[in-house]
Amino acid sequence: MSIDNAAPSEWTAIAGSSWVRTAQNKYNQTLEKFDEITKPAHYNNSKLETIDVIIDTLGEYEAINYCHGNVLKYTIRMWHKGDPIKDAKKAQWYLNKMVELLEKTKGVNW
């Protein structure tokens, strides 16, 4: 039997099955792990978060400029991508990371 030919009663029976509930629970747990602004899934595909690799590679002081560039990028184009609130929140996230790095490097690099 094809899924395309399933009757509504068959869909209802399947929807209540334990494997569907298990799949739904796993999906919900995955959604809870990630946040589109502060922890997007596409930046967390490996054991290390991308921003941590960037900071490790560039160094804390140099990563300040990376964050500053992203603040500019998200604020400059926020009106042209369709969701200015989302882009403003991303800019805010990078600004917060920039402040964190400035506090860490104060008196060391500047």
N, C-alpha and C. Protein backbone atom coordinates (compact mmCIF):
# COMPACT_ATOMS: atom_id res chain seq x y z
N MET A 1 0.84 -1.18 0.00
CA MET A 1 0.00 0.00 0.00
C MET A 1 0.88 1.25 0.00
N SER A 2 0.51 2.25 -0.76
CA SER A 2 1.26 3.49 -0.86
C SER A 2 0.75 4.50 0.16
N ILE A 3 1.65 5.33 0.65
CA ILE A 3 1.26 6.39 1.58
C ILE A 3 0.28 7.36 0.92
N ASP A 4 0.39 7.48 -0.41
CA ASP A 4 -0.51 8.38 -1.14
C ASP A 4 -1.96 7.90 -1.14
N ASN A 5 -2.16 6.60 -0.92
CA ASN A 5 -3.51 6.04 -0.95
C ASN A 5 -4.11 5.82 0.44
N ALA A 6 -3.40 6.29 1.49
CA ALA A 6 -3.88 6.05 2.85
C ALA A 6 -5.17 6.83 3.11
N ALA A 7 -6.09 6.18 3.77
CA ALA A 7 -7.36 6.80 4.15
C ALA A 7 -7.17 7.63 5.41
N PRO A 8 -8.03 8.61 5.67
CA PRO A 8 -7.92 9.42 6.89
C PRO A 8 -7.87 8.58 8.16
N SER A 9 -8.63 7.50 8.20
CA SER A 9 -8.60 6.66 9.41
C SER A 9 -7.22 6.00 9.58
N GLU A 10 -6.56 5.68 8.48
CA GLU A 10 -5.22 5.10 8.57
C GLU A 10 -4.20 6.13 9.05
N TRP A 11 -4.35 7.38 8.58
CA TRP A 11 -3.47 8.44 9.06
C TRP A 11 -3.67 8.65 10.56
N THR A 12 -4.89 8.64 11.02
CA THR A 12 -5.19 8.81 12.44
C THR A 12 -4.57 7.69 13.26
N ALA A 13 -4.66 6.47 12.76
CA ALA A 13 -4.09 5.33 13.48
C ALA A 13 -2.57 5.45 13.57
N ILE A 14 -1.96 5.87 12.49
CA ILE A 14 -0.50 6.02 12.47
C ILE A 14 -0.06 7.16 13.38
N ALA A 15 -0.81 8.27 13.36
CA ALA A 15 -0.44 9.44 14.14
C ALA A 15 -0.36 9.14 15.63
N GLY A 16 -1.11 8.18 16.10
CA GLY A 16 -1.10 7.84 17.51
C GLY A 16 -0.09 6.77 17.88
N SER A 17 0.65 6.28 16.90
CA SER A 17 1.59 5.19 17.18
C SER A 17 2.80 5.69 17.96
N SER A 18 3.45 4.77 18.66
CA SER A 18 4.58 5.14 19.53
C SER A 18 5.77 5.65 18.73
N TRP A 19 6.02 5.11 17.54
CA TRP A 19 7.18 5.59 16.78
C TRP A 19 6.97 7.01 16.29
N VAL A 20 5.74 7.42 16.02
CA VAL A 20 5.47 8.80 15.63
C VAL A 20 5.69 9.72 16.83
N ARG A 21 5.22 9.32 18.00
CA ARG A 21 5.44 10.12 19.22
C ARG A 21 6.93 10.23 19.52
N THR A 22 7.67 9.14 19.36
CA THR A 22 9.11 9.15 19.60
C THR A 22 9.80 10.11 18.64
N ALA A 23 9.44 10.05 17.37
CA ALA A 23 10.03 10.95 16.38
C ALA A 23 9.70 12.40 16.70
N GLN A 24 8.46 12.67 17.09
CA GLN A 24 8.05 14.03 17.44
C GLN A 24 8.83 14.53 18.65
N ASN A 25 9.03 13.69 19.66
CA ASN A 25 9.80 14.07 20.85
C ASN A 25 11.25 14.40 20.48
N LYS A 26 11.86 13.58 19.63
CA LYS A 26 13.24 13.85 19.21
C LYS A 26 13.32 15.16 18.43
N TYR A 27 12.34 15.40 17.58
CA TYR A 27 12.30 16.65 16.82
C TYR A 27 12.19 17.84 17.77
N ASN A 28 11.31 17.76 18.75
CA ASN A 28 11.13 18.85 19.72
C ASN A 28 12.39 19.07 20.54
N GLN A 29 13.09 18.00 20.93
CA GLN A 29 14.33 18.13 21.68
C GLN A 29 15.40 18.83 20.84
N THR A 30 15.45 18.52 19.56
CA THR A 30 16.40 19.16 18.66
C THR A 30 16.09 20.65 18.55
N LEU A 31 14.83 21.00 18.42
CA LEU A 31 14.45 22.41 18.33
C LEU A 31 14.84 23.17 19.60
N GLU A 32 14.71 22.52 20.75
CA GLU A 32 15.04 23.17 22.02
C GLU A 32 16.54 23.43 22.15
N LYS A 33 17.37 22.60 21.49
CA LYS A 33 18.82 22.77 21.57
C LYS A 33 19.30 24.00 20.83
N PHE A 34 18.56 24.43 19.82
CA PHE A 34 19.01 25.51 18.96
C PHE A 34 18.05 26.69 19.01
N ASP A 35 18.59 27.84 18.75
CA ASP A 35 17.82 29.07 18.67
C ASP A 35 18.30 29.78 17.41
N GLU A 36 17.38 30.28 16.63
CA GLU A 36 17.72 30.87 15.34
C GLU A 36 18.67 32.06 15.46
N ILE A 37 18.64 32.75 16.59
CA ILE A 37 19.49 33.93 16.78
C ILE A 37 20.77 33.58 17.53
N THR A 38 20.64 32.99 18.70
CA THR A 38 21.81 32.80 19.56
C THR A 38 22.56 31.50 19.33
N LYS A 39 21.93 30.52 18.77
CA LYS A 39 22.60 29.22 18.57
C LYS A 39 21.97 28.49 17.38
N PRO A 40 22.14 29.06 16.17
CA PRO A 40 21.51 28.42 15.00
C PRO A 40 22.13 27.05 14.71
N ALA A 41 21.30 26.14 14.29
CA ALA A 41 21.76 24.77 14.03
C ALA A 41 22.86 24.72 12.99
N HIS A 42 22.80 25.57 11.97
CA HIS A 42 23.80 25.51 10.91
C HIS A 42 25.17 25.98 11.37
N TYR A 43 25.29 26.61 12.54
CA TYR A 43 26.59 26.96 13.10
C TYR A 43 27.05 25.94 14.13
N ASN A 44 26.28 24.91 14.34
CA ASN A 44 26.58 23.93 15.38
C ASN A 44 26.56 22.51 14.85
N ASN A 45 27.09 22.31 13.66
CA ASN A 45 27.10 20.98 13.05
C ASN A 45 28.20 20.09 13.58
N SER A 46 29.20 20.66 14.21
CA SER A 46 30.30 19.85 14.73
C SER A 46 30.34 19.97 16.24
N LYS A 47 31.39 19.44 16.83
CA LYS A 47 31.51 19.49 18.29
C LYS A 47 31.78 20.91 18.78
N LEU A 48 32.36 21.74 17.91
CA LEU A 48 32.69 23.10 18.28
C LEU A 48 31.76 24.08 17.59
N GLU A 49 31.39 25.12 18.30
CA GLU A 49 30.57 26.16 17.69
C GLU A 49 31.47 27.04 16.83
N THR A 50 30.96 27.49 15.69
CA THR A 50 31.75 28.23 14.72
C THR A 50 32.43 29.46 15.33
N ILE A 51 31.72 30.22 16.14
CA ILE A 51 32.31 31.43 16.73
C ILE A 51 33.51 31.07 17.60
N ASP A 52 33.46 29.94 18.27
CA ASP A 52 34.58 29.52 19.11
C ASP A 52 35.81 29.18 18.27
N VAL A 53 35.60 28.57 17.11
CA VAL A 53 36.70 28.25 16.20
C VAL A 53 37.30 29.55 15.65
N ILE A 54 36.44 30.50 15.31
CA ILE A 54 36.91 31.79 14.80
C ILE A 54 37.75 32.51 15.85
N ILE A 55 37.29 32.55 17.08
CA ILE A 55 38.04 33.20 18.15
C ILE A 55 39.35 32.47 18.40
N ASP A 56 39.30 31.15 18.39
CA ASP A 56 40.52 30.36 18.60
C ASP A 56 41.52 30.60 17.48
N THR A 57 41.05 30.73 16.25
CA THR A 57 41.92 30.92 15.10
C THR A 57 42.48 32.35 15.04
N LEU A 58 41.62 33.35 15.21
CA LEU A 58 42.04 34.74 15.10
C LEU A 58 42.67 35.28 16.38
N GLY A 59 42.23 34.75 17.51
CA GLY A 59 42.61 35.31 18.80
C GLY A 59 41.48 36.22 19.28
N GLU A 60 41.39 36.41 20.59
CA GLU A 60 40.29 37.18 21.15
C GLU A 60 40.29 38.62 20.66
N TYR A 61 41.46 39.27 20.63
CA TYR A 61 41.53 40.67 20.22
C TYR A 61 41.14 40.84 18.75
N GLU A 62 41.67 39.98 17.88
CA GLU A 62 41.38 40.08 16.45
C GLU A 62 39.92 39.73 16.15
N ALA A 63 39.32 38.85 16.94
CA ALA A 63 37.92 38.47 16.73
C ALA A 63 36.96 39.62 17.03
N ILE A 64 37.43 40.63 17.75
CA ILE A 64 36.60 41.83 17.98
C ILE A 64 36.22 42.45 16.65
N ASN A 65 37.18 42.56 15.74
CA ASN A 65 36.90 43.14 14.42
C ASN A 65 35.96 42.26 13.61
N TYR A 66 36.07 40.95 13.75
CA TYR A 66 35.15 40.03 13.08
C TYR A 66 33.72 40.30 13.56
N CYS A 67 33.55 40.41 14.86
CA CYS A 67 32.22 40.68 15.43
C CYS A 67 31.72 42.05 14.99
N HIS A 68 32.61 43.04 14.99
CA HIS A 68 32.23 44.38 14.56
C HIS A 68 31.74 44.36 13.11
N GLY A 69 32.43 43.62 12.26
CA GLY A 69 32.02 43.48 10.87
C GLY A 69 30.64 42.87 10.74
N ASN A 70 30.34 41.88 11.58
CA ASN A 70 29.02 41.25 11.54
C ASN A 70 27.93 42.17 12.07
N VAL A 71 28.25 42.99 13.06
CA VAL A 71 27.27 43.98 13.52
C VAL A 71 26.92 44.91 12.36
N LEU A 72 27.93 45.37 11.66
CA LEU A 72 27.69 46.24 10.50
C LEU A 72 26.90 45.51 9.42
N LYS A 73 27.30 44.29 9.11
CA LYS A 73 26.64 43.52 8.06
C LYS A 73 25.15 43.36 8.33
N TYR A 74 24.81 42.94 9.55
CA TYR A 74 23.40 42.68 9.86
C TYR A 74 22.59 43.96 9.96
N THR A 75 23.17 45.05 10.44
CA THR A 75 22.40 46.29 10.53
C THR A 75 22.26 46.98 9.18
N ILE A 76 23.28 46.90 8.34
CA ILE A 76 23.20 47.55 7.03
C ILE A 76 22.16 46.89 6.14
N ARG A 77 22.08 45.58 6.15
CA ARG A 77 21.17 44.90 5.23
C ARG A 77 19.86 44.44 5.86
N MET A 78 19.60 44.83 7.10
CA MET A 78 18.41 44.33 7.79
C MET A 78 17.10 44.73 7.13
N TRP A 79 17.06 45.86 6.44
CA TRP A 79 15.83 46.30 5.80
C TRP A 79 15.61 45.66 4.44
N HIS A 80 16.57 44.88 3.98
CA HIS A 80 16.51 44.34 2.62
C HIS A 80 16.36 42.82 2.57
N LYS A 81 16.25 42.16 3.69
CA LYS A 81 16.22 40.70 3.71
C LYS A 81 14.87 40.13 4.12
N GLY A 82 13.96 40.95 4.59
CA GLY A 82 12.63 40.45 4.89
C GLY A 82 12.29 40.30 6.36
N ASP A 83 13.29 40.27 7.24
CA ASP A 83 13.01 40.11 8.67
C ASP A 83 13.97 40.99 9.48
N PRO A 84 13.70 42.31 9.53
CA PRO A 84 14.63 43.22 10.20
C PRO A 84 14.80 42.93 11.69
N ILE A 85 13.78 42.42 12.34
CA ILE A 85 13.92 42.11 13.77
C ILE A 85 14.93 41.00 13.97
N LYS A 86 14.84 39.96 13.16
CA LYS A 86 15.78 38.84 13.25
C LYS A 86 17.21 39.33 13.01
N ASP A 87 17.42 40.15 11.98
CA ASP A 87 18.76 40.64 11.70
C ASP A 87 19.25 41.59 12.79
N ALA A 88 18.36 42.40 13.35
CA ALA A 88 18.75 43.28 14.46
C ALA A 88 19.17 42.45 15.68
N LYS A 89 18.47 41.34 15.92
CA LYS A 89 18.84 40.47 17.04
C LYS A 89 20.18 39.79 16.79
N LYS A 90 20.45 39.43 15.53
CA LYS A 90 21.76 38.84 15.21
C LYS A 90 22.86 39.88 15.41
N ALA A 91 22.61 41.11 14.98
CA ALA A 91 23.58 42.18 15.19
C ALA A 91 23.81 42.39 16.69
N GLN A 92 22.75 42.33 17.45
CA GLN A 92 22.85 42.48 18.90
C GLN A 92 23.68 41.36 19.51
N TRP A 93 23.50 40.12 19.00
CA TRP A 93 24.27 38.99 19.50
C TRP A 93 25.77 39.22 19.26
N TYR A 94 26.11 39.66 18.04
CA TYR A 94 27.52 39.93 17.74
C TYR A 94 28.04 41.12 18.53
N LEU A 95 27.21 42.12 18.79
CA LEU A 95 27.63 43.24 19.62
C LEU A 95 27.93 42.77 21.04
N ASN A 96 27.07 41.92 21.58
CA ASN A 96 27.31 41.37 22.91
C ASN A 96 28.60 40.56 22.95
N LYS A 97 28.87 39.76 21.91
CA LYS A 97 30.10 38.98 21.84
C LYS A 97 31.30 39.93 21.74
N MET A 98 31.16 41.02 20.99
CA MET A 98 32.22 42.00 20.86
C MET A 98 32.54 42.64 22.22
N VAL A 99 31.51 42.99 22.97
CA VAL A 99 31.71 43.57 24.30
C VAL A 99 32.41 42.56 25.22
N GLU A 100 31.98 41.31 25.14
CA GLU A 100 32.61 40.25 25.94
C GLU A 100 34.10 40.15 25.62
N LEU A 101 34.45 40.19 24.34
CA LEU A 101 35.85 40.10 23.93
C LEU A 101 36.63 41.36 24.31
N LEU A 102 35.99 42.52 24.22
CA LEU A 102 36.64 43.76 24.65
C LEU A 102 36.97 43.71 26.14
N GLU A 103 36.04 43.21 26.94
CA GLU A 103 36.28 43.10 28.38
C GLU A 103 37.42 42.13 28.68
N LYS A 104 37.50 41.04 27.92
CA LYS A 104 38.56 40.05 28.13
C LYS A 104 39.93 40.58 27.75
N THR A 105 40.00 41.42 26.73
CA THR A 105 41.29 41.89 26.22
C THR A 105 41.71 43.25 26.76
N LYS A 106 40.85 43.89 27.55
CA LYS A 106 41.17 45.20 28.11
C LYS A 106 42.43 45.10 28.96
N GLY A 107 43.36 46.00 28.72
CA GLY A 107 44.61 46.01 29.46
C GLY A 107 45.63 45.02 28.93
N VAL A 108 45.24 44.18 28.01
CA VAL A 108 46.17 43.21 27.42
C VAL A 108 46.58 43.69 26.04
N ASN A 109 45.59 44.00 25.21
CA ASN A 109 45.85 44.41 23.83
C ASN A 109 45.59 45.90 23.58
N TRP A 110 44.92 46.54 24.48
CA TRP A 110 44.62 47.96 24.27
C TRP A 110 44.48 48.68 25.59
